[in-house]
Amino acid sequence: MKRQRNAHLKRVIVDYKKLNNQILDLLVNKYPDGYGDGDVITFRNAQNEIVECVEVTTEDTLYLVKVSKRLVAAMEDFDDTDESSSEKNQDLPDGSNVEEE
């Protein structure tokens, strides 16, 4: 009998509308240049509808994030926001006194 590599993980299917920043961050880090056809997992749900997802994993959970045009836009927006935050931090002069809250 063949054992699955992620058998111990909780499996969660997530729609674009319910993504949180943690899952978006995982998606952007795993697919920095976007995902391709080979990254998409296709299956039929309980209603016999075809569902296409991409997979991201945390220590205890395997997330299947439903693929849509809105997902692509959300990943791009999140990545742009993340990059602009890190650029702001890089603009600080060396030796400046910056307090963290």
PDB file of N, CA and C in Angstrom:
ATOM      1  N   MET A   1       0.838  -1.178   0.000  1.00  0.00           N
ATOM      2  CA  MET A   1       0.000   0.000   0.000  1.00  0.00           C
ATOM      3  C   MET A   1       0.883   1.242   0.000  1.00  0.00           C
ATOM      4  N   LYS A   2       0.565   2.181  -0.838  1.00  0.00           N
ATOM      5  CA  LYS A   2       1.366   3.394  -0.980  1.00  0.00           C
ATOM      6  C   LYS A   2       0.942   4.444   0.049  1.00  0.00           C
ATOM      7  N   ARG A   3       1.893   4.996   0.795  1.00  0.00           N
ATOM      8  CA  ARG A   3       1.605   6.039   1.779  1.00  0.00           C
ATOM      9  C   ARG A   3       1.755   7.400   1.136  1.00  0.00           C
ATOM     10  N   GLN A   4       0.874   8.296   1.499  1.00  0.00           N
ATOM     11  CA  GLN A   4       0.955   9.655   0.992  1.00  0.00           C
ATOM     12  C   GLN A   4       1.958  10.441   1.822  1.00  0.00           C
ATOM     13  N   ARG A   5       2.668  11.343   1.160  1.00  0.00           N
ATOM     14  CA  ARG A   5       3.719  12.089   1.851  1.00  0.00           C
ATOM     15  C   ARG A   5       3.168  13.113   2.838  1.00  0.00           C
ATOM     16  N   ASN A   6       1.940  13.597   2.626  1.00  0.00           N
ATOM     17  CA  ASN A   6       1.353  14.611   3.500  1.00  0.00           C
ATOM     18  C   ASN A   6       0.143  14.061   4.251  1.00  0.00           C
ATOM     19  N   ALA A   7       0.144  12.779   4.548  1.00  0.00           N
ATOM     20  CA  ALA A   7      -1.016  12.134   5.166  1.00  0.00           C
ATOM     21  C   ALA A   7      -1.326  12.694   6.547  1.00  0.00           C
ATOM     22  N   HIS A   8      -0.338  13.207   7.253  1.00  0.00           N
ATOM     23  CA  HIS A   8      -0.545  13.707   8.607  1.00  0.00           C
ATOM     24  C   HIS A   8      -1.060  15.151   8.645  1.00  0.00           C
ATOM     25  N   LEU A   9      -1.087  15.831   7.519  1.00  0.00           N
ATOM     26  CA  LEU A   9      -1.497  17.237   7.475  1.00  0.00           C
ATOM     27  C   LEU A   9      -3.004  17.389   7.355  1.00  0.00           C
ATOM     28  N   LYS A  10      -3.515  18.409   8.023  1.00  0.00           N
ATOM     29  CA  LYS A  10      -4.916  18.781   7.846  1.00  0.00           C
ATOM     30  C   LYS A  10      -5.047  19.408   6.465  1.00  0.00           C
ATOM     31  N   ARG A  11      -6.086  19.074   5.725  1.00  0.00           N
ATOM     32  CA  ARG A  11      -6.285  19.608   4.371  1.00  0.00           C
ATOM     33  C   ARG A  11      -7.414  20.622   4.392  1.00  0.00           C
ATOM     34  N   VAL A  12      -7.148  21.805   3.820  1.00  0.00           N
ATOM     35  CA  VAL A  12      -8.129  22.877   3.798  1.00  0.00           C
ATOM     36  C   VAL A  12      -8.211  23.445   2.385  1.00  0.00           C
ATOM     37  N   ILE A  13      -9.419  23.529   1.843  1.00  0.00           N
ATOM     38  CA  ILE A  13      -9.638  24.183   0.557  1.00  0.00           C
ATOM     39  C   ILE A  13     -10.052  25.616   0.844  1.00  0.00           C
ATOM     40  N   VAL A  14      -9.334  26.566   0.245  1.00  0.00           N
ATOM     41  CA  VAL A  14      -9.563  27.980   0.535  1.00  0.00           C
ATOM     42  C   VAL A  14      -9.931  28.707  -0.753  1.00  0.00           C
ATOM     43  N   ASP A  15     -10.976  29.500  -0.688  1.00  0.00           N
ATOM     44  CA  ASP A  15     -11.378  30.332  -1.807  1.00  0.00           C
ATOM     45  C   ASP A  15     -10.635  31.652  -1.737  1.00  0.00           C
ATOM     46  N   TYR A  16     -10.495  32.311  -2.865  1.00  0.00           N
ATOM     47  CA  TYR A  16      -9.818  33.608  -2.944  1.00  0.00           C
ATOM     48  C   TYR A  16     -10.355  34.585  -1.902  1.00  0.00           C
ATOM     49  N   LYS A  17     -11.660  34.618  -1.722  1.00  0.00           N
ATOM     50  CA  LYS A  17     -12.302  35.596  -0.838  1.00  0.00           C
ATOM     51  C   LYS A  17     -11.925  35.401   0.623  1.00  0.00           C
ATOM     52  N   LYS A  18     -11.466  34.216   0.974  1.00  0.00           N
ATOM     53  CA  LYS A  18     -11.162  33.913   2.377  1.00  0.00           C
ATOM     54  C   LYS A  18      -9.668  33.826   2.671  1.00  0.00           C
ATOM     55  N   LEU A  19      -8.837  34.296   1.750  1.00  0.00           N
ATOM     56  CA  LEU A  19      -7.392  34.250   1.975  1.00  0.00           C
ATOM     57  C   LEU A  19      -6.985  35.244   3.047  1.00  0.00           C
ATOM     58  N   ASN A  20      -6.083  34.810   3.914  1.00  0.00           N
ATOM     59  CA  ASN A  20      -5.501  35.749   4.873  1.00  0.00           C
ATOM     60  C   ASN A  20      -4.072  36.074   4.436  1.00  0.00           C
ATOM     61  N   ASN A  21      -3.455  37.013   5.110  1.00  0.00           N
ATOM     62  CA  ASN A  21      -2.106  37.440   4.720  1.00  0.00           C
ATOM     63  C   ASN A  21      -1.082  36.322   4.825  1.00  0.00           C
ATOM     64  N   GLN A  22      -1.253  35.412   5.778  1.00  0.00           N
ATOM     65  CA  GLN A  22      -0.302  34.301   5.923  1.00  0.00           C
ATOM     66  C   GLN A  22      -0.322  33.412   4.676  1.00  0.00           C
ATOM     67  N   ILE A  23      -1.522  33.065   4.206  1.00  0.00           N
ATOM     68  CA  ILE A  23      -1.625  32.197   3.031  1.00  0.00           C
ATOM     69  C   ILE A  23      -1.147  32.935   1.784  1.00  0.00           C
ATOM     70  N   LEU A  24      -1.491  34.222   1.660  1.00  0.00           N
ATOM     71  CA  LEU A  24      -1.009  35.012   0.523  1.00  0.00           C
ATOM     72  C   LEU A  24       0.507  35.072   0.513  1.00  0.00           C
ATOM     73  N   ASP A  25       1.111  35.248   1.688  1.00  0.00           N
ATOM     74  CA  ASP A  25       2.571  35.284   1.785  1.00  0.00           C
ATOM     75  C   ASP A  25       3.173  33.948   1.347  1.00  0.00           C
ATOM     76  N   LEU A  26       2.569  32.847   1.773  1.00  0.00           N
ATOM     77  CA  LEU A  26       3.041  31.523   1.353  1.00  0.00           C
ATOM     78  C   LEU A  26       2.955  31.367  -0.158  1.00  0.00           C
ATOM     79  N   LEU A  27       1.836  31.810  -0.739  1.00  0.00           N
ATOM     80  CA  LEU A  27       1.658  31.710  -2.193  1.00  0.00           C
ATOM     81  C   LEU A  27       2.702  32.518  -2.941  1.00  0.00           C
ATOM     82  N   VAL A  28       2.922  33.757  -2.498  1.00  0.00           N
ATOM     83  CA  VAL A  28       3.876  34.637  -3.183  1.00  0.00           C
ATOM     84  C   VAL A  28       5.294  34.082  -3.056  1.00  0.00           C
ATOM     85  N   ASN A  29       5.629  33.514  -1.902  1.00  0.00           N
ATOM     86  CA  ASN A  29       6.963  32.939  -1.719  1.00  0.00           C
ATOM     87  C   ASN A  29       7.154  31.657  -2.530  1.00  0.00           C
ATOM     88  N   LYS A  30       6.129  30.827  -2.613  1.00  0.00           N
ATOM     89  CA  LYS A  30       6.246  29.568  -3.357  1.00  0.00           C
ATOM     90  C   LYS A  30       6.192  29.795  -4.863  1.00  0.00           C
ATOM     91  N   TYR A  31       5.407  30.773  -5.288  1.00  0.00           N
ATOM     92  CA  TYR A  31       5.239  31.053  -6.721  1.00  0.00           C
ATOM     93  C   TYR A  31       5.579  32.516  -7.015  1.00  0.00           C
ATOM     94  N   PRO A  32       6.843  32.937  -6.832  1.00  0.00           N
ATOM     95  CA  PRO A  32       7.208  34.356  -7.008  1.00  0.00           C
ATOM     96  C   PRO A  32       6.976  34.882  -8.420  1.00  0.00           C
ATOM     97  N   ASP A  33       7.049  33.996  -9.410  1.00  0.00           N
ATOM     98  CA  ASP A  33       6.816  34.403 -10.798  1.00  0.00           C
ATOM     99  C   ASP A  33       5.454  33.936 -11.287  1.00  0.00           C
ATOM    100  N   GLY A  34       4.562  33.606 -10.363  1.00  0.00           N
ATOM    101  CA  GLY A  34       3.255  33.076 -10.715  1.00  0.00           C
ATOM    102  C   GLY A  34       3.316  31.566 -10.847  1.00  0.00           C
ATOM    103  N   TYR A  35       2.168  30.948 -10.909  1.00  0.00           N
ATOM    104  CA  TYR A  35       2.120  29.493 -11.025  1.00  0.00           C
ATOM    105  C   TYR A  35       1.810  29.110 -12.466  1.00  0.00           C
ATOM    106  N   GLY A  36       2.236  27.921 -12.827  1.00  0.00           N
ATOM    107  CA  GLY A  36       2.024  27.420 -14.183  1.00  0.00           C
ATOM    108  C   GLY A  36       1.032  26.273 -14.191  1.00  0.00           C
ATOM    109  N   ASP A  37       0.767  25.753 -15.367  1.00  0.00           N
ATOM    110  CA  ASP A  37      -0.175  24.646 -15.507  1.00  0.00           C
ATOM    111  C   ASP A  37       0.254  23.425 -14.694  1.00  0.00           C
ATOM    112  N   GLY A  38       1.549  23.212 -14.580  1.00  0.00           N
ATOM    113  CA  GLY A  38       2.047  22.068 -13.822  1.00  0.00           C
ATOM    114  C   GLY A  38       1.854  22.197 -12.323  1.00  0.00           C
ATOM    115  N   ASP A  39       1.602  23.412 -11.842  1.00  0.00           N
ATOM    116  CA  ASP A  39       1.387  23.648 -10.410  1.00  0.00           C
ATOM    117  C   ASP A  39      -0.072  23.466 -10.001  1.00  0.00           C
ATOM    118  N   VAL A  40      -0.968  23.423 -10.978  1.00  0.00           N
ATOM    119  CA  VAL A  40      -2.402  23.375 -10.704  1.00  0.00           C
ATOM    120  C   VAL A  40      -2.856  21.933 -10.481  1.00  0.00           C
ATOM    121  N   ILE A  41      -3.598  21.731  -9.401  1.00  0.00           N
ATOM    122  CA  ILE A  41      -4.176  20.436  -9.057  1.00  0.00           C
ATOM    123  C   ILE A  41      -5.661  20.503  -9.416  1.00  0.00           C
ATOM    124  N   THR A  42      -6.143  19.523 -10.157  1.00  0.00           N
ATOM    125  CA  THR A  42      -7.544  19.507 -10.574  1.00  0.00           C
ATOM    126  C   THR A  42      -8.239  18.290  -9.980  1.00  0.00           C
ATOM    127  N   PHE A  43      -9.449  18.502  -9.431  1.00  0.00           N
ATOM    128  CA  PHE A  43     -10.241  17.405  -8.887  1.00  0.00           C
ATOM    129  C   PHE A  43     -11.718  17.777  -8.932  1.00  0.00           C
ATOM    130  N   ARG A  44     -12.574  16.811  -8.647  1.00  0.00           N
ATOM    131  CA  ARG A  44     -14.009  17.064  -8.569  1.00  0.00           C
ATOM    132  C   ARG A  44     -14.429  17.106  -7.103  1.00  0.00           C
ATOM    133  N   ASN A  45     -15.246  18.104  -6.751  1.00  0.00           N
ATOM    134  CA  ASN A  45     -15.717  18.228  -5.374  1.00  0.00           C
ATOM    135  C   ASN A  45     -16.965  17.371  -5.167  1.00  0.00           C
ATOM    136  N   ALA A  46     -17.590  17.491  -3.994  1.00  0.00           N
ATOM    137  CA  ALA A  46     -18.760  16.679  -3.657  1.00  0.00           C
ATOM    138  C   ALA A  46     -19.945  16.957  -4.574  1.00  0.00           C
ATOM    139  N   GLN A  47     -19.993  18.144  -5.177  1.00  0.00           N
ATOM    140  CA  GLN A  47     -21.070  18.502  -6.103  1.00  0.00           C
ATOM    141  C   GLN A  47     -20.717  18.108  -7.550  1.00  0.00           C
ATOM    142  N   ASN A  48     -19.633  17.362  -7.712  1.00  0.00           N
ATOM    143  CA  ASN A  48     -19.134  16.890  -9.004  1.00  0.00           C
ATOM    144  C   ASN A  48     -18.683  18.044  -9.916  1.00  0.00           C
ATOM    145  N   GLU A  49     -18.315  19.183  -9.312  1.00  0.00           N
ATOM    146  CA  GLU A  49     -17.792  20.317 -10.071  1.00  0.00           C
ATOM    147  C   GLU A  49     -16.276  20.188 -10.152  1.00  0.00           C
ATOM    148  N   ILE A  50     -15.697  20.612 -11.261  1.00  0.00           N
ATOM    149  CA  ILE A  50     -14.246  20.596 -11.400  1.00  0.00           C
ATOM    150  C   ILE A  50     -13.662  21.778 -10.640  1.00  0.00           C
ATOM    151  N   VAL A  51     -12.683  21.502  -9.792  1.00  0.00           N
ATOM    152  CA  VAL A  51     -12.033  22.526  -8.987  1.00  0.00           C
ATOM    153  C   VAL A  51     -10.548  22.523  -9.325  1.00  0.00           C
ATOM    154  N   GLU A  52      -9.993  23.708  -9.556  1.00  0.00           N
ATOM    155  CA  GLU A  52      -8.558  23.839  -9.816  1.00  0.00           C
ATOM    156  C   GLU A  52      -7.938  24.625  -8.668  1.00  0.00           C
ATOM    157  N   CYS A  53      -6.836  24.097  -8.127  1.00  0.00           N
ATOM    158  CA  CYS A  53      -6.193  24.705  -6.958  1.00  0.00           C
ATOM    159  C   CYS A  53      -4.678  24.671  -7.113  1.00  0.00           C
ATOM    160  N   VAL A  54      -4.021  25.526  -6.325  1.00  0.00           N
ATOM    161  CA  VAL A  54      -2.575  25.418  -6.131  1.00  0.00           C
ATOM    162  C   VAL A  54      -2.359  25.093  -4.662  1.00  0.00           C
ATOM    163  N   GLU A  55      -1.249  24.427  -4.386  1.00  0.00           N
ATOM    164  CA  GLU A  55      -0.989  23.901  -3.050  1.00  0.00           C
ATOM    165  C   GLU A  55       0.075  24.716  -2.324  1.00  0.00           C
ATOM    166  N   VAL A  56      -0.201  25.062  -1.066  1.00  0.00           N
ATOM    167  CA  VAL A  56       0.821  25.614  -0.170  1.00  0.00           C
ATOM    168  C   VAL A  56       0.686  24.898   1.170  1.00  0.00           C
ATOM    169  N   THR A  57       1.809  24.774   1.858  1.00  0.00           N
ATOM    170  CA  THR A  57       1.834  23.971   3.076  1.00  0.00           C
ATOM    171  C   THR A  57       2.460  24.733   4.225  1.00  0.00           C
ATOM    172  N   THR A  58       1.850  24.600   5.408  1.00  0.00           N
ATOM    173  CA  THR A  58       2.463  25.067   6.648  1.00  0.00           C
ATOM    174  C   THR A  58       2.893  23.815   7.410  1.00  0.00           C
ATOM    175  N   GLU A  59       3.340  23.989   8.650  1.00  0.00           N
ATOM    176  CA  GLU A  59       3.795  22.840   9.434  1.00  0.00           C
ATOM    177  C   GLU A  59       2.693  21.803   9.632  1.00  0.00           C
ATOM    178  N   ASP A  60       1.447  22.268   9.809  1.00  0.00           N
ATOM    179  CA  ASP A  60       0.374  21.345  10.146  1.00  0.00           C
ATOM    180  C   ASP A  60      -0.791  21.308   9.158  1.00  0.00           C
ATOM    181  N   THR A  61      -0.745  22.151   8.115  1.00  0.00           N
ATOM    182  CA  THR A  61      -1.889  22.251   7.211  1.00  0.00           C
ATOM    183  C   THR A  61      -1.449  22.309   5.757  1.00  0.00           C
ATOM    184  N   LEU A  62      -2.182  21.599   4.909  1.00  0.00           N
ATOM    185  CA  LEU A  62      -1.986  21.670   3.473  1.00  0.00           C
ATOM    186  C   LEU A  62      -3.177  22.468   2.919  1.00  0.00           C
ATOM    187  N   TYR A  63      -2.879  23.634   2.360  1.00  0.00           N
ATOM    188  CA  TYR A  63      -3.922  24.491   1.805  1.00  0.00           C
ATOM    189  C   TYR A  63      -4.011  24.272   0.304  1.00  0.00           C
ATOM    190  N   LEU A  64      -5.223  24.047  -0.191  1.00  0.00           N
ATOM    191  CA  LEU A  64      -5.499  24.031  -1.612  1.00  0.00           C
ATOM    192  C   LEU A  64      -6.258  25.317  -1.899  1.00  0.00           C
ATOM    193  N   VAL A  65      -5.599  26.243  -2.589  1.00  0.00           N
ATOM    194  CA  VAL A  65      -6.185  27.558  -2.856  1.00  0.00           C
ATOM    195  C   VAL A  65      -6.781  27.533  -4.253  1.00  0.00           C
ATOM    196  N   LYS A  66      -8.083  27.797  -4.332  1.00  0.00           N
ATOM    197  CA  LYS A  66      -8.781  27.762  -5.621  1.00  0.00           C
ATOM    198  C   LYS A  66      -8.191  28.791  -6.568  1.00  0.00           C
ATOM    199  N   VAL A  67      -7.954  28.364  -7.801  1.00  0.00           N
ATOM    200  CA  VAL A  67      -7.356  29.199  -8.831  1.00  0.00           C
ATOM    201  C   VAL A  67      -8.444  30.047  -9.490  1.00  0.00           C
ATOM    202  N   SER A  68      -8.143  31.347  -9.654  1.00  0.00           N
ATOM    203  CA  SER A  68      -9.033  32.243 -10.386  1.00  0.00           C
ATOM    204  C   SER A  68      -8.227  33.465 -10.817  1.00  0.00           C
ATOM    205  N   LYS A  69      -8.816  34.259 -11.679  1.00  0.00           N
ATOM    206  CA  LYS A  69      -8.152  35.489 -12.101  1.00  0.00           C
ATOM    207  C   LYS A  69      -7.973  36.419 -10.909  1.00  0.00           C
ATOM    208  N   ARG A  70      -8.903  36.398  -9.981  1.00  0.00           N
ATOM    209  CA  ARG A  70      -8.800  37.255  -8.796  1.00  0.00           C
ATOM    210  C   ARG A  70      -7.646  36.830  -7.893  1.00  0.00           C
ATOM    211  N   LEU A  71      -7.359  35.530  -7.849  1.00  0.00           N
ATOM    212  CA  LEU A  71      -6.224  35.050  -7.061  1.00  0.00           C
ATOM    213  C   LEU A  71      -4.932  35.620  -7.610  1.00  0.00           C
ATOM    214  N   VAL A  72      -4.772  35.601  -8.914  1.00  0.00           N
ATOM    215  CA  VAL A  72      -3.571  36.142  -9.544  1.00  0.00           C
ATOM    216  C   VAL A  72      -3.427  37.625  -9.189  1.00  0.00           C
ATOM    217  N   ALA A  73      -4.503  38.385  -9.287  1.00  0.00           N
ATOM    218  CA  ALA A  73      -4.467  39.812  -8.962  1.00  0.00           C
ATOM    219  C   ALA A  73      -4.119  40.029  -7.492  1.00  0.00           C
ATOM    220  N   ALA A  74      -4.686  39.225  -6.603  1.00  0.00           N
ATOM    221  CA  ALA A  74      -4.405  39.360  -5.167  1.00  0.00           C
ATOM    222  C   ALA A  74      -2.942  39.069  -4.869  1.00  0.00           C
ATOM    223  N   MET A  75      -2.380  38.031  -5.520  1.00  0.00           N
ATOM    224  CA  MET A  75      -0.965  37.712  -5.314  1.00  0.00           C
ATOM    225  C   MET A  75      -0.082  38.848  -5.798  1.00  0.00           C
ATOM    226  N   GLU A  76      -0.415  39.428  -6.959  1.00  0.00           N
ATOM    227  CA  GLU A  76       0.380  40.537  -7.491  1.00  0.00           C
ATOM    228  C   GLU A  76       0.287  41.756  -6.591  1.00  0.00           C
ATOM    229  N   ASP A  77      -0.914  42.077  -6.122  1.00  0.00           N
ATOM    230  CA  ASP A  77      -1.104  43.219  -5.226  1.00  0.00           C
ATOM    231  C   ASP A  77      -0.363  43.013  -3.912  1.00  0.00           C
ATOM    232  N   PHE A  78      -0.440  41.797  -3.359  1.00  0.00           N
ATOM    233  CA  PHE A  78       0.232  41.500  -2.100  1.00  0.00           C
ATOM    234  C   PHE A  78       1.734  41.608  -2.262  1.00  0.00           C
ATOM    235  N   ASP A  79       2.254  41.088  -3.370  1.00  0.00           N
ATOM    236  CA  ASP A  79       3.687  41.140  -3.633  1.00  0.00           C
ATOM    237  C   ASP A  79       4.143  42.590  -3.789  1.00  0.00           C
ATOM    238  N   ASP A  80       3.373  43.411  -4.488  1.00  0.00           N
ATOM    239  CA  ASP A  80       3.705  44.829  -4.650  1.00  0.00           C
ATOM    240  C   ASP A  80       3.705  45.544  -3.310  1.00  0.00           C
ATOM    241  N   THR A  81       2.719  45.259  -2.474  1.00  0.00           N
ATOM    242  CA  THR A  81       2.635  45.873  -1.154  1.00  0.00           C
ATOM    243  C   THR A  81       3.814  45.450  -0.292  1.00  0.00           C
ATOM    244  N   ASP A  82       4.156  44.167  -0.343  1.00  0.00           N
ATOM    245  CA  ASP A  82       5.272  43.632   0.433  1.00  0.00           C
ATOM    246  C   ASP A  82       6.587  44.263  -0.012  1.00  0.00           C
ATOM    247  N   GLU A  83       6.783  44.415  -1.327  1.00  0.00           N
ATOM    248  CA  GLU A  83       8.011  45.016  -1.838  1.00  0.00           C
ATOM    249  C   GLU A  83       8.112  46.487  -1.454  1.00  0.00           C
ATOM    250  N   SER A  84       7.003  47.224  -1.492  1.00  0.00           N
ATOM    251  CA  SER A  84       7.060  48.638  -1.144  1.00  0.00           C
ATOM    252  C   SER A  84       7.354  48.808   0.336  1.00  0.00           C
ATOM    253  N   SER A  85       6.901  47.885   1.187  1.00  0.00           N
ATOM    254  CA  SER A  85       7.219  47.938   2.615  1.00  0.00           C
ATOM    255  C   SER A  85       8.710  47.729   2.840  1.00  0.00           C
ATOM    256  N   SER A  86       9.294  46.762   2.151  1.00  0.00           N
ATOM    257  CA  SER A  86      10.715  46.498   2.340  1.00  0.00           C
ATOM    258  C   SER A  86      11.556  47.612   1.740  1.00  0.00           C
ATOM    259  N   GLU A  87      11.076  48.253   0.670  1.00  0.00           N
ATOM    260  CA  GLU A  87      11.809  49.383   0.098  1.00  0.00           C
ATOM    261  C   GLU A  87      11.829  50.555   1.063  1.00  0.00           C
ATOM    262  N   LYS A  88      10.729  50.771   1.787  1.00  0.00           N
ATOM    263  CA  LYS A  88      10.688  51.853   2.775  1.00  0.00           C
ATOM    264  C   LYS A  88      11.729  51.612   3.856  1.00  0.00           C
ATOM    265  N   ASN A  89      11.861  50.355   4.288  1.00  0.00           N
ATOM    266  CA  ASN A  89      12.846  50.031   5.312  1.00  0.00           C
ATOM    267  C   ASN A  89      14.267  50.209   4.794  1.00  0.00           C
ATOM    268  N   GLN A  90      14.491  49.997   3.517  1.00  0.00           N
ATOM    269  CA  GLN A  90      15.824  50.152   2.952  1.00  0.00           C
ATOM    270  C   GLN A  90      16.201  51.616   2.806  1.00  0.00           C
ATOM    271  N   ASP A  91      15.217  52.516   2.776  1.00  0.00           N
ATOM    272  CA  ASP A  91      15.477  53.936   2.616  1.00  0.00           C
ATOM    273  C   ASP A  91      15.994  54.592   3.898  1.00  0.00           C
ATOM    274  N   LEU A  92      15.960  53.863   5.012  1.00  0.00           N
ATOM    275  CA  LEU A  92      16.420  54.439   6.275  1.00  0.00           C
ATOM    276  C   LEU A  92      17.934  54.577   6.248  1.00  0.00           C
ATOM    277  N   PRO A  93      18.458  55.722   6.692  1.00  0.00           N
ATOM    278  CA  PRO A  93      19.918  55.880   6.723  1.00  0.00           C
ATOM    279  C   PRO A  93      20.544  54.977   7.776  1.00  0.00           C
ATOM    280  N   ASP A  94      21.781  54.560   7.520  1.00  0.00           N
ATOM    281  CA  ASP A  94      22.491  53.713   8.476  1.00  0.00           C
ATOM    282  C   ASP A  94      22.717  54.482   9.761  1.00  0.00           C
ATOM    283  N   GLY A  95      22.595  53.777  10.883  1.00  0.00           N
ATOM    284  CA  GLY A  95      22.860  54.382  12.172  1.00  0.00           C
ATOM    285  C   GLY A  95      21.700  55.230  12.682  1.00  0.00           C
ATOM    286  N   SER A  96      20.576  55.242  12.006  1.00  0.00           N
ATOM    287  CA  SER A  96      19.461  56.056  12.486  1.00  0.00           C
ATOM    288  C   SER A  96      18.818  55.376  13.673  1.00  0.00           C
ATOM    289  N   ASN A  97      18.262  56.167  14.547  1.00  0.00           N
ATOM    290  CA  ASN A  97      17.575  55.668  15.720  1.00  0.00           C
ATOM    291  C   ASN A  97      16.138  55.423  15.374  1.00  0.00           C
ATOM    292  N   VAL A  98      15.782  54.180  15.156  1.00  0.00           N
ATOM    293  CA  VAL A  98      14.419  53.824  14.820  1.00  0.00           C
ATOM    294  C   VAL A  98      13.895  52.922  15.913  1.00  0.00           C
ATOM    295  N   GLU A  99      12.758  53.323  16.465  1.00  0.00           N
ATOM    296  CA  GLU A  99      12.151  52.535  17.530  1.00  0.00           C
ATOM    297  C   GLU A  99      11.057  51.674  16.925  1.00  0.00           C
ATOM    298  N   GLU A 100      10.986  50.438  17.377  1.00  0.00           N
ATOM    299  CA  GLU A 100       9.913  49.558  16.957  1.00  0.00           C
ATOM    300  C   GLU A 100       8.806  49.625  17.991  1.00  0.00           C
ATOM    301  N   GLU A 101       7.590  49.573  17.490  1.00  0.00           N
ATOM    302  CA  GLU A 101       6.435  49.631  18.391  1.00  0.00           C
ATOM    303  C   GLU A 101       6.082  48.273  18.896  1.00  0.00           C
TER     304      GLU A 101
END
